[in-house]
Amino acid sequence: MRAPGTGNGERYRLLGAAGATAAVAGGWAVGTLPARDPWGLWVPHGTAVTAVGYALAYGGLTVLVVAWWLYGRTGAGVRDSLVTLVWWAAPFVVAPPLYSADVYSYIAQGAMVLEGHDVYEAGPSVLDPAGPGGDAAASVGGHWTDTPAPYGPFFLLLARGVAWATGGTIVPAVLAMRLIALAALALIAWALPHLAREHGRSPGAALWLGALNPLLLMHVAGGLHNDGLMIGLMLAGVVLALRGRWVSGSVLIGLAMMVKTPAAVALLFVAVLVGRAAGGGLVRRVAKGLAGPGAVAGAVVVLMTLLGGTGFGWVGTQAVAGRIHTALSVSSDLGLGLGHLLRLLAGTDPDPVKAAVQNAGLAAAVAVILLLARRSAAGRLEAAHGLGLGLVALVALSPMVQPWYLLWGTAVLAATAADSKVRDVLVVLSAALVYETQPSGSTPPYGFVLAGLTCVAGALLLRRQAAGQGKPLLPGQRRAADREAGLRTGV
C-alpha cells in the first residue's frame, strides 16, 4: 500500500530534478566560468545564448525552490528523501562552478602548496600563469588574487591532492573538487537523521531542511564551497559525541576546524556533553569537559598542521575575510555607516570606527555562544541545539557574511529545533538567499530585491498556511513526525 503523500512526493521530486537540470544547463552559459579553459568546454558564448542561460538559471532555481517547499509538505521519510537528494544533486556533477569563484582559489592554493609557496603569506598571483594552477589563479576573484588562504591545513592537503592528480588543469580539477563537495553532502545526509533521532525530531524533516535545502545544493554541490565539508565533519562529530564516543567525535571536529575555524564552536558544546556526563559541580564539569575534547582536537590540529607542511600561519589569516565588505554583515554595514557619519561631522577616519563596530559584533557573538554553553551545561538547553543557535548568532554578528554561511547553523537546527518559528525563519531565509548571488558569482542589486520579495512571499505563505490550519505548521514538520512515528519509514 502506498503511503500518504508518496505520489505527490514523486511528482515534486521530478519537478525539483527538472529545476536543478535547467539551472545547471543555464550555468554552462552564465556560471562562474574560468578565465581560460584549454579544453574549450566552459567558455562564454554570444548574447543570445547568455540571455537564454540566465532565463534557464533563474527559472530552474525558482522551480527547485518551489519543488522543495512542496516536497516538504508531503512528510516524506528518510529513504524517499535520500532518493530525492540524489535526483536533485545529480545534475550538478558535471556543471561548471556556479555562484562563486572560490573553487578557483582552492585549486590555486593547492597548486601553491604543491610548488612550495607559503599560502599564508601570499596569494594565487605568485603562480606561474603557464604552470600548474595558472588557469585557476587567473580565474580567482579580484579580492582574492593576492589574499593569503584563510583555510586550515587539512583542506589545503585535499586541494594539494587535487592539484597533483589533475596537474591543475581547470576542468578535471573542478570536477575533483566537486567529488569532495558531494562526499561532504553525503556526510551531511548521513548525520542529519541520526542527530534528529537523538533529539526526538523527525529525521525526514531534518533531511528536508538540512540537506535538500536549495541554498545547500546551490552553494555546496554547485558552488563547491568548503563550508559543506566543515558542516559534514562537524555534524558527524556531534553525533558521535552524543552517543558517548566523544574521542572520535572530537577528532572529526578537529578536522572540521582544519577546514574552517568556526567549527571550533562545536568543540565547546561537545565539551559541555562530556562535562555533564562527568558529573560534579559546574566548574568541575567545565574543566573536565574542556580538557578531554580540547586535548584530542588540539592533537588533530597539530598533526594536520605538521602533515600539511604549511606551518601555523593559518592562525594569523583568520581575519583576512573580514577585510572584504559584504552587505549581509550587519556589523560591517553599521560600522561603515557610522564611520562615514563621523567623518562628515568630525573629519575622523571611518576605518577604525568600522573595525571597532565589527569587533563589538564579534564580542557579542562570543558572549551569546558562552551564554548558550552555560545554559547547556546547566541542563536547561540541549547542547546540540545550543550549538545551532550559537552558529546562527556567530554568522549574524560576523564582520563578513555570505549567503551560504546561514547553512552552518541551519544544518544543526534542522535536526534539533522544536520551535516552528525558528524553523520558519530558516526556511524563508534559505529560499530567499539563493537569489542574492548571480550564477556568475557577482552580487547585483536586483539580487537583494529578489531576496526581499522571496522573504515577503514566504512569510505570507506561512501566515496563510497557519490561518488555514489553525496553528503554525512548517511544511513537512508535523506530518513528517506523525508519519514516521506511525509508519517508521526510513533507514
Protein backbone atom coordinates (compact mmCIF):
# COMPACT_ATOMS: atom_id res chain seq x y z
CA MET A 1 0.00 0.00 0.00
CA ARG A 2 1.37 3.39 -0.94
CA ALA A 3 1.92 5.77 1.98
CA PRO A 4 0.01 9.09 2.01
CA GLY A 5 1.76 11.78 0.01
CA THR A 6 4.05 9.35 -1.83
CA GLY A 7 2.59 10.15 -5.25
CA ASN A 8 2.93 13.87 -4.72
CA GLY A 9 6.43 13.32 -3.39
CA GLU A 10 7.45 11.59 -6.62
CA ARG A 11 5.97 14.42 -8.68
CA TYR A 12 7.78 17.05 -6.64
CA ARG A 13 10.98 15.01 -6.87
CA LEU A 14 10.75 15.11 -10.66
CA LEU A 15 9.86 18.80 -10.59
CA GLY A 16 12.90 19.60 -8.47
CA ALA A 17 15.17 17.48 -10.68
CA ALA A 18 13.89 19.38 -13.72
CA GLY A 19 14.59 22.69 -11.97
CA ALA A 20 18.12 21.62 -10.99
CA THR A 21 18.79 20.44 -14.54
CA ALA A 22 17.59 23.73 -16.01
CA ALA A 23 19.69 25.72 -13.51
CA VAL A 24 22.78 23.70 -14.42
CA ALA A 25 22.07 24.00 -18.17
CA GLY A 26 21.90 27.76 -17.77
CA GLY A 27 25.09 27.65 -15.75
CA TRP A 28 27.02 26.30 -18.74
CA ALA A 29 26.45 29.71 -20.34
CA VAL A 30 26.33 32.10 -17.35
CA GLY A 31 28.02 30.24 -14.49
CA THR A 32 31.31 31.27 -12.91
CA LEU A 33 33.32 30.32 -15.98
CA PRO A 34 37.13 30.22 -15.84
CA ALA A 35 39.24 32.92 -17.43
CA ARG A 36 40.96 30.25 -19.52
CA ASP A 37 39.77 26.73 -20.33
CA PRO A 38 42.19 24.86 -22.60
CA TRP A 39 39.53 22.22 -23.19
CA GLY A 40 37.05 24.78 -24.55
CA LEU A 41 34.11 23.41 -22.52
CA TRP A 42 33.39 26.25 -20.10
CA VAL A 43 33.70 29.32 -22.29
CA PRO A 44 31.48 32.38 -22.83
CA HIS A 45 29.00 32.41 -25.71
CA GLY A 46 27.10 35.08 -27.62
CA THR A 47 24.46 37.46 -26.32
CA ALA A 48 21.52 35.25 -27.29
CA VAL A 49 22.96 32.18 -25.55
CA THR A 50 23.75 34.27 -22.47
CA ALA A 51 20.16 35.55 -22.30
CA VAL A 52 18.80 32.01 -22.60
CA GLY A 53 21.30 30.89 -19.96
CA TYR A 54 20.07 33.46 -17.44
CA ALA A 55 16.45 32.51 -18.14
CA LEU A 56 17.22 28.83 -17.57
CA ALA A 57 19.35 29.51 -14.49
CA TYR A 58 16.83 31.68 -12.67
CA GLY A 59 13.79 29.76 -13.92
CA GLY A 60 15.30 26.43 -12.88
CA LEU A 61 16.30 27.80 -9.50
CA THR A 62 12.76 29.04 -8.87
CA VAL A 63 11.30 25.67 -9.89
CA LEU A 64 13.69 23.93 -7.49
CA VAL A 65 12.72 26.25 -4.61
CA VAL A 66 9.00 25.65 -5.25
CA ALA A 67 9.55 21.88 -5.53
CA TRP A 68 11.48 21.92 -2.25
CA TRP A 69 8.68 23.77 -0.48
CA LEU A 70 6.02 21.42 -1.83
CA TYR A 71 8.09 18.31 -1.17
CA GLY A 72 8.36 19.30 2.48
CA ARG A 73 4.56 19.18 2.79
CA THR A 74 4.44 15.51 1.77
CA GLY A 75 6.06 14.34 5.02
CA ALA A 76 8.48 12.08 3.13
CA GLY A 77 10.57 9.66 5.15
CA VAL A 78 14.31 9.22 5.20
CA ARG A 79 14.61 6.74 2.34
CA ASP A 80 12.43 8.79 0.00
CA SER A 81 14.26 11.99 0.93
CA LEU A 82 17.66 10.41 0.24
CA VAL A 83 16.46 9.30 -3.19
CA THR A 84 15.23 12.82 -3.84
CA LEU A 85 18.57 14.24 -2.74
CA VAL A 86 20.36 12.06 -5.30
CA TRP A 87 17.96 13.19 -8.05
CA TRP A 88 18.41 16.86 -7.19
CA ALA A 89 22.18 16.73 -6.74
CA ALA A 90 22.95 14.61 -9.83
CA PRO A 91 22.70 17.45 -12.41
CA PHE A 92 25.46 19.36 -10.60
CA VAL A 93 28.07 16.60 -11.05
CA VAL A 94 29.35 17.89 -14.41
CA ALA A 95 28.36 21.55 -14.03
CA PRO A 96 30.85 24.41 -14.16
CA PRO A 97 31.26 26.32 -10.89
CA LEU A 98 28.09 28.20 -10.02
CA TYR A 99 27.51 31.27 -7.85
CA SER A 100 31.13 31.61 -6.74
CA ALA A 101 34.74 31.63 -7.97
CA ASP A 102 36.04 30.27 -4.65
CA VAL A 103 36.84 26.86 -6.15
CA TYR A 104 39.47 28.50 -8.33
CA SER A 105 41.12 29.82 -5.17
CA TYR A 106 41.05 26.31 -3.70
CA ILE A 107 42.74 24.82 -6.77
CA ALA A 108 45.31 27.62 -6.98
CA GLN A 109 46.13 27.32 -3.27
CA GLY A 110 46.54 23.57 -3.68
CA ALA A 111 48.98 24.23 -6.51
CA MET A 112 50.81 26.73 -4.31
CA VAL A 113 51.28 24.10 -1.59
CA LEU A 114 52.41 21.61 -4.23
CA GLU A 115 55.05 24.04 -5.51
CA GLY A 116 56.24 25.07 -2.05
CA HIS A 117 54.75 28.56 -1.85
CA ASP A 118 53.61 29.87 1.54
CA VAL A 119 49.81 30.07 1.16
CA TYR A 120 49.55 32.00 4.42
CA GLU A 121 51.84 34.78 3.21
CA ALA A 122 50.98 35.15 -0.48
CA GLY A 123 48.00 34.81 -2.82
CA PRO A 124 47.45 32.85 -6.05
CA SER A 125 49.08 35.61 -8.12
CA VAL A 126 52.51 34.10 -7.31
CA LEU A 127 51.77 31.09 -9.53
CA ASP A 128 53.30 30.84 -12.99
CA PRO A 129 50.47 31.53 -15.48
CA ALA A 130 51.74 28.70 -17.68
CA GLY A 131 52.30 26.26 -14.82
CA PRO A 132 50.02 24.01 -12.72
CA GLY A 133 47.19 26.05 -11.26
CA GLY A 134 47.92 29.02 -13.53
CA ASP A 135 44.50 28.89 -15.19
CA ALA A 136 42.83 28.66 -11.78
CA ALA A 137 44.85 31.61 -10.48
CA ALA A 138 43.77 33.68 -13.49
CA SER A 139 40.13 32.86 -12.66
CA VAL A 140 40.28 33.84 -8.98
CA GLY A 141 38.03 36.72 -7.97
CA GLY A 142 39.74 40.11 -7.75
CA HIS A 143 39.61 40.33 -3.96
CA TRP A 144 41.41 37.02 -3.50
CA THR A 145 44.22 37.21 -6.08
CA ASP A 146 46.74 38.50 -3.55
CA THR A 147 44.99 37.30 -0.38
CA PRO A 148 46.54 34.56 1.78
CA ALA A 149 44.47 31.43 2.38
CA PRO A 150 42.11 31.58 5.38
CA TYR A 151 41.60 27.80 5.34
CA GLY A 152 43.11 25.11 7.52
CA PRO A 153 45.88 22.65 6.60
CA PHE A 154 43.54 19.66 6.25
CA PHE A 155 41.59 21.31 3.46
CA LEU A 156 44.78 22.51 1.80
CA LEU A 157 46.06 18.93 1.86
CA LEU A 158 42.95 17.90 -0.09
CA ALA A 159 43.42 20.81 -2.50
CA ARG A 160 47.07 19.84 -2.93
CA GLY A 161 45.98 16.30 -3.80
CA VAL A 162 43.59 17.65 -6.42
CA ALA A 163 46.29 19.86 -7.95
CA TRP A 164 48.72 16.92 -8.01
CA ALA A 165 46.22 14.45 -9.51
CA THR A 166 44.96 16.81 -12.22
CA GLY A 167 48.03 18.92 -12.88
CA GLY A 168 45.87 21.92 -12.14
CA THR A 169 44.01 21.53 -15.44
CA ILE A 170 40.87 23.51 -14.86
CA VAL A 171 38.01 21.15 -15.81
CA PRO A 172 39.30 17.95 -14.12
CA ALA A 173 40.44 19.97 -11.09
CA VAL A 174 36.96 21.48 -10.64
CA LEU A 175 35.32 18.07 -11.05
CA ALA A 176 37.71 16.58 -8.49
CA MET A 177 36.80 19.36 -6.04
CA ARG A 178 33.15 18.57 -6.75
CA LEU A 179 33.73 14.96 -5.65
CA ILE A 180 34.89 16.34 -2.30
CA ALA A 181 31.80 18.57 -2.12
CA LEU A 182 29.46 15.67 -2.93
CA ALA A 183 31.18 13.49 -0.32
CA ALA A 184 30.53 16.29 2.18
CA LEU A 185 26.88 16.36 1.11
CA ALA A 186 26.65 12.60 1.67
CA LEU A 187 28.17 13.01 5.16
CA ILE A 188 25.59 15.70 5.99
CA ALA A 189 22.79 13.42 4.76
CA TRP A 190 24.11 10.60 6.96
CA ALA A 191 24.45 12.74 10.09
CA LEU A 192 21.14 14.64 9.99
CA PRO A 193 18.75 11.69 10.59
CA HIS A 194 20.95 10.38 13.40
CA LEU A 195 21.11 13.80 15.04
CA ALA A 196 17.35 14.21 14.68
CA ARG A 197 16.64 10.84 16.34
CA GLU A 198 18.92 11.76 19.24
CA HIS A 199 16.63 14.75 19.86
CA GLY A 200 13.29 13.10 19.16
CA ARG A 201 12.77 15.05 15.95
CA SER A 202 11.63 13.84 12.53
CA PRO A 203 14.61 12.51 10.52
CA GLY A 204 12.76 13.14 7.25
CA ALA A 205 12.05 16.76 8.15
CA ALA A 206 15.69 17.21 9.19
CA LEU A 207 16.85 15.97 5.79
CA TRP A 208 14.35 18.22 4.05
CA LEU A 209 15.56 21.41 5.76
CA GLY A 210 19.21 20.46 6.21
CA ALA A 211 20.19 18.52 3.05
CA LEU A 212 17.54 19.12 0.37
CA ASN A 213 17.78 22.84 1.09
CA PRO A 214 18.30 24.72 -2.24
CA LEU A 215 20.82 27.01 -0.57
CA LEU A 216 22.96 23.97 0.25
CA LEU A 217 22.58 22.44 -3.20
CA MET A 218 23.43 25.67 -5.00
CA HIS A 219 26.43 26.62 -2.87
CA VAL A 220 27.91 23.22 -1.97
CA ALA A 221 27.04 20.99 -4.94
CA GLY A 222 27.05 23.94 -7.36
CA GLY A 223 29.42 26.48 -5.82
CA LEU A 224 31.75 23.87 -4.25
CA HIS A 225 32.21 25.84 -1.03
CA ASN A 226 34.29 24.03 1.56
CA ASP A 227 31.70 25.03 4.17
CA GLY A 228 29.93 21.80 3.20
CA LEU A 229 32.93 19.73 4.30
CA MET A 230 33.19 21.67 7.53
CA ILE A 231 29.50 21.15 8.25
CA GLY A 232 29.58 17.43 7.43
CA LEU A 233 32.57 16.71 9.66
CA MET A 234 31.12 18.85 12.44
CA LEU A 235 27.70 17.16 12.35
CA ALA A 236 29.24 13.68 12.31
CA GLY A 237 31.44 14.61 15.27
CA VAL A 238 28.45 15.86 17.27
CA VAL A 239 26.50 12.67 16.51
CA LEU A 240 29.37 10.52 17.79
CA ALA A 241 29.76 12.68 20.90
CA LEU A 242 26.04 12.39 21.70
CA ARG A 243 26.46 8.61 21.59
CA GLY A 244 29.29 8.70 24.11
CA ARG A 245 32.08 8.39 21.53
CA TRP A 246 33.46 11.83 22.25
CA VAL A 247 37.06 10.96 21.34
CA SER A 248 36.11 10.03 17.77
CA GLY A 249 33.73 12.99 17.69
CA SER A 250 36.49 15.37 18.78
CA VAL A 251 38.77 14.01 16.06
CA LEU A 252 36.16 14.82 13.40
CA ILE A 253 35.54 18.27 14.85
CA GLY A 254 39.29 18.88 14.89
CA LEU A 255 39.37 18.02 11.18
CA ALA A 256 36.42 20.35 10.60
CA MET A 257 38.37 23.12 12.34
CA MET A 258 41.24 22.43 9.95
CA VAL A 259 38.88 23.18 7.09
CA LYS A 260 37.35 26.34 8.55
CA THR A 261 37.82 27.52 12.14
CA PRO A 262 34.14 28.33 13.01
CA ALA A 263 33.76 24.58 13.66
CA ALA A 264 35.58 25.27 16.94
CA VAL A 265 32.19 26.34 18.34
CA ALA A 266 31.12 22.68 18.13
CA LEU A 267 34.09 21.69 20.31
CA LEU A 268 32.75 23.88 23.11
CA PHE A 269 29.38 22.13 23.09
CA VAL A 270 30.97 18.68 22.90
CA ALA A 271 32.92 19.74 25.99
CA VAL A 272 29.56 20.54 27.60
CA LEU A 273 28.34 16.99 26.81
CA VAL A 274 31.48 15.42 28.27
CA GLY A 275 31.35 17.64 31.35
CA ARG A 276 27.70 16.83 32.04
CA ALA A 277 28.48 13.11 31.83
CA ALA A 278 31.37 13.55 34.28
CA GLY A 279 29.12 15.00 36.99
CA GLY A 280 30.14 17.19 39.90
CA GLY A 281 29.92 20.95 40.26
CA LEU A 282 29.71 23.35 37.35
CA VAL A 283 33.38 24.35 37.49
CA ARG A 284 34.50 20.72 37.65
CA ARG A 285 32.24 19.77 34.76
CA VAL A 286 33.57 22.60 32.63
CA ALA A 287 37.19 21.73 33.44
CA LYS A 288 36.71 18.03 32.66
CA GLY A 289 34.73 18.77 29.54
CA LEU A 290 37.28 21.15 28.11
CA ALA A 291 40.30 19.01 28.98
CA GLY A 292 39.38 15.83 27.09
CA PRO A 293 37.88 17.10 23.81
CA GLY A 294 40.27 20.05 23.81
CA ALA A 295 43.31 17.77 24.05
CA VAL A 296 42.04 15.45 21.31
CA ALA A 297 41.10 18.24 18.90
CA GLY A 298 44.34 20.07 19.71
CA ALA A 299 46.35 16.98 18.81
CA VAL A 300 44.47 16.74 15.50
CA VAL A 301 45.19 20.42 14.78
CA VAL A 302 48.92 20.00 15.44
CA LEU A 303 49.11 16.75 13.45
CA MET A 304 47.30 18.21 10.42
CA THR A 305 49.49 21.31 10.53
CA LEU A 306 52.65 19.21 10.56
CA LEU A 307 51.40 16.86 7.84
CA GLY A 308 50.29 19.75 5.67
CA GLY A 309 53.73 21.31 5.77
CA THR A 310 52.15 24.76 5.66
CA GLY A 311 53.07 25.79 9.18
CA PHE A 312 50.89 27.60 11.69
CA GLY A 313 50.36 30.63 9.51
CA TRP A 314 46.65 29.79 9.33
CA VAL A 315 46.31 31.24 12.84
CA GLY A 316 47.14 34.70 11.55
CA THR A 317 44.99 34.62 8.40
CA GLN A 318 41.60 34.08 10.03
CA ALA A 319 40.75 37.77 9.84
CA VAL A 320 41.55 38.28 6.15
CA ALA A 321 37.96 37.67 5.06
CA GLY A 322 36.77 40.47 7.33
CA ARG A 323 38.67 42.99 5.21
CA ILE A 324 36.17 42.47 2.39
CA HIS A 325 32.87 44.26 2.91
CA THR A 326 29.71 42.21 2.40
CA ALA A 327 26.31 43.82 2.51
CA LEU A 328 24.83 40.95 4.54
CA SER A 329 27.05 41.76 7.53
CA VAL A 330 25.07 43.92 9.94
CA SER A 331 28.12 44.91 11.97
CA SER A 332 30.08 45.93 8.85
CA ASP A 333 27.15 47.93 7.49
CA LEU A 334 26.61 49.71 10.82
CA GLY A 335 30.32 50.36 11.23
CA LEU A 336 30.66 51.71 7.71
CA GLY A 337 27.63 53.96 8.09
CA LEU A 338 28.73 55.25 11.49
CA GLY A 339 32.27 55.79 10.24
CA HIS A 340 31.13 57.90 7.29
CA LEU A 341 28.77 59.86 9.53
CA LEU A 342 31.58 60.70 11.94
CA ARG A 343 33.81 61.66 9.03
CA LEU A 344 31.19 64.16 7.88
CA LEU A 345 30.69 65.54 11.39
CA ALA A 346 34.20 65.43 12.80
CA GLY A 347 36.51 64.55 9.92
CA THR A 348 37.64 61.27 11.52
CA ASP A 349 38.94 58.24 9.64
CA PRO A 350 35.99 55.83 9.11
CA ASP A 351 38.08 52.64 9.05
CA PRO A 352 38.85 52.47 12.81
CA VAL A 353 35.18 53.10 13.55
CA LYS A 354 34.13 50.28 11.25
CA ALA A 355 36.71 47.95 12.81
CA ALA A 356 35.51 48.81 16.32
CA VAL A 357 31.89 48.02 15.45
CA GLN A 358 32.95 44.76 13.79
CA ASN A 359 34.92 43.76 16.89
CA ALA A 360 31.96 44.66 19.08
CA GLY A 361 29.78 42.38 16.95
CA LEU A 362 32.23 39.50 17.33
CA ALA A 363 32.42 40.09 21.08
CA ALA A 364 28.62 39.98 21.27
CA ALA A 365 28.60 36.71 19.29
CA VAL A 366 31.13 35.17 21.68
CA ALA A 367 29.04 36.31 24.64
CA VAL A 368 25.92 34.70 23.16
CA ILE A 369 27.78 31.45 22.47
CA LEU A 370 29.16 31.32 26.01
CA LEU A 371 25.69 32.01 27.43
CA LEU A 372 24.22 29.18 25.36
CA ALA A 373 27.03 26.87 26.50
CA ARG A 374 26.38 27.77 30.11
CA ARG A 375 22.66 27.05 29.73
CA SER A 376 23.54 23.72 28.12
CA ALA A 377 25.96 22.87 30.94
CA ALA A 378 23.21 23.62 33.46
CA GLY A 379 20.81 21.26 31.63
CA ARG A 380 18.41 24.00 30.52
CA LEU A 381 19.23 23.58 26.81
CA GLU A 382 20.20 20.67 24.61
CA ALA A 383 23.88 21.04 23.76
CA ALA A 384 23.49 20.40 20.02
CA HIS A 385 20.59 22.85 19.82
CA GLY A 386 22.72 25.41 21.61
CA LEU A 387 25.42 24.81 19.00
CA GLY A 388 22.97 25.55 16.19
CA LEU A 389 21.79 28.76 17.82
CA GLY A 390 25.37 29.78 18.56
CA LEU A 391 26.43 29.32 14.94
CA VAL A 392 23.48 31.42 13.75
CA ALA A 393 24.48 34.14 16.22
CA LEU A 394 28.09 33.99 15.01
CA VAL A 395 27.01 34.45 11.40
CA ALA A 396 24.54 37.22 12.21
CA LEU A 397 27.21 39.23 14.08
CA SER A 398 30.23 38.38 11.94
CA PRO A 399 32.16 41.09 10.05
CA MET A 400 31.80 39.10 6.82
CA VAL A 401 28.62 37.22 5.92
CA GLN A 402 27.97 35.26 2.74
CA PRO A 403 24.59 33.65 1.93
CA TRP A 404 25.86 30.10 2.44
CA TYR A 405 27.11 30.90 5.96
CA LEU A 406 23.49 30.51 7.07
CA LEU A 407 23.97 26.77 6.46
CA TRP A 408 26.34 26.46 9.44
CA GLY A 409 23.56 26.75 11.98
CA THR A 410 20.69 25.64 9.73
CA ALA A 411 22.19 22.16 9.33
CA VAL A 412 22.22 21.70 13.11
CA LEU A 413 18.86 23.32 13.85
CA ALA A 414 17.21 21.26 11.10
CA ALA A 415 17.67 18.25 13.39
CA THR A 416 17.27 19.84 16.82
CA ALA A 417 14.77 22.72 16.66
CA ALA A 418 11.29 22.10 18.02
CA ASP A 419 10.17 25.72 17.78
CA SER A 420 8.34 26.14 14.47
CA LYS A 421 9.14 29.86 14.40
CA VAL A 422 12.89 29.16 14.32
CA ARG A 423 12.44 26.69 11.51
CA ASP A 424 10.10 29.04 9.62
CA VAL A 425 12.74 31.76 9.66
CA LEU A 426 15.41 29.36 8.40
CA VAL A 427 13.13 28.12 5.62
CA VAL A 428 12.28 31.59 4.37
CA LEU A 429 15.87 32.84 4.58
CA SER A 430 17.15 29.75 2.77
CA ALA A 431 14.70 30.27 -0.07
CA ALA A 432 15.47 33.99 -0.25
CA LEU A 433 19.27 33.89 -0.11
CA VAL A 434 19.59 31.65 -3.18
CA TYR A 435 18.71 34.73 -5.22
CA GLU A 436 21.26 37.05 -3.62
CA THR A 437 24.13 35.88 -5.86
CA GLN A 438 24.20 35.60 -9.64
CA PRO A 439 25.20 32.27 -11.25
CA SER A 440 28.33 34.13 -12.39
CA GLY A 441 29.26 34.80 -8.77
CA SER A 442 28.58 38.54 -8.69
CA THR A 443 26.15 40.21 -6.29
CA PRO A 444 23.89 42.58 -8.28
CA PRO A 445 21.45 44.99 -6.59
CA TYR A 446 18.50 43.12 -8.05
CA GLY A 447 19.63 40.03 -6.13
CA PHE A 448 18.69 41.78 -2.89
CA VAL A 449 15.36 42.80 -4.41
CA LEU A 450 14.60 39.20 -5.38
CA ALA A 451 15.66 38.00 -1.93
CA GLY A 452 13.40 40.57 -0.28
CA LEU A 453 10.42 39.64 -2.43
CA THR A 454 11.00 35.96 -1.61
CA CYS A 455 11.03 36.77 2.12
CA VAL A 456 7.71 38.56 1.78
CA ALA A 457 6.18 35.74 -0.28
CA GLY A 458 7.44 33.11 2.16
CA ALA A 459 6.10 34.96 5.18
CA LEU A 460 2.68 35.37 3.51
CA LEU A 461 2.56 31.67 2.59
CA LEU A 462 3.39 30.62 6.13
CA ARG A 463 0.79 33.00 7.53
CA ARG A 464 -1.85 31.72 5.12
CA GLN A 465 -0.97 28.14 5.95
CA ALA A 466 -1.18 28.79 9.69
CA ALA A 467 -4.55 30.55 9.30
CA GLY A 468 -5.90 27.68 7.22
CA GLN A 469 -4.87 25.01 9.70
CA GLY A 470 -5.37 26.88 12.93
CA LYS A 471 -1.75 26.53 14.01
CA PRO A 472 1.70 27.25 12.58
CA LEU A 473 2.88 24.26 10.57
CA LEU A 474 6.17 24.21 8.76
CA PRO A 475 5.92 22.26 5.51
CA GLY A 476 6.59 18.65 6.42
CA GLN A 477 7.32 19.24 10.10
CA ARG A 478 4.26 17.83 11.85
CA ARG A 479 3.15 15.48 9.08
CA ALA A 480 6.64 14.04 8.78
CA ALA A 481 6.77 13.46 12.52
CA ASP A 482 3.34 11.83 12.59
CA ARG A 483 4.03 9.68 9.58
CA GLU A 484 7.40 8.46 10.80
CA ALA A 485 6.07 7.78 14.28
CA GLY A 486 3.25 5.65 12.86
CA LEU A 487 4.81 4.00 9.84
CA ARG A 488 8.51 4.04 10.80
CA THR A 489 9.57 4.68 7.25
CA GLY A 490 13.21 5.39 6.51
CA VAL A 491 16.56 3.79 7.04
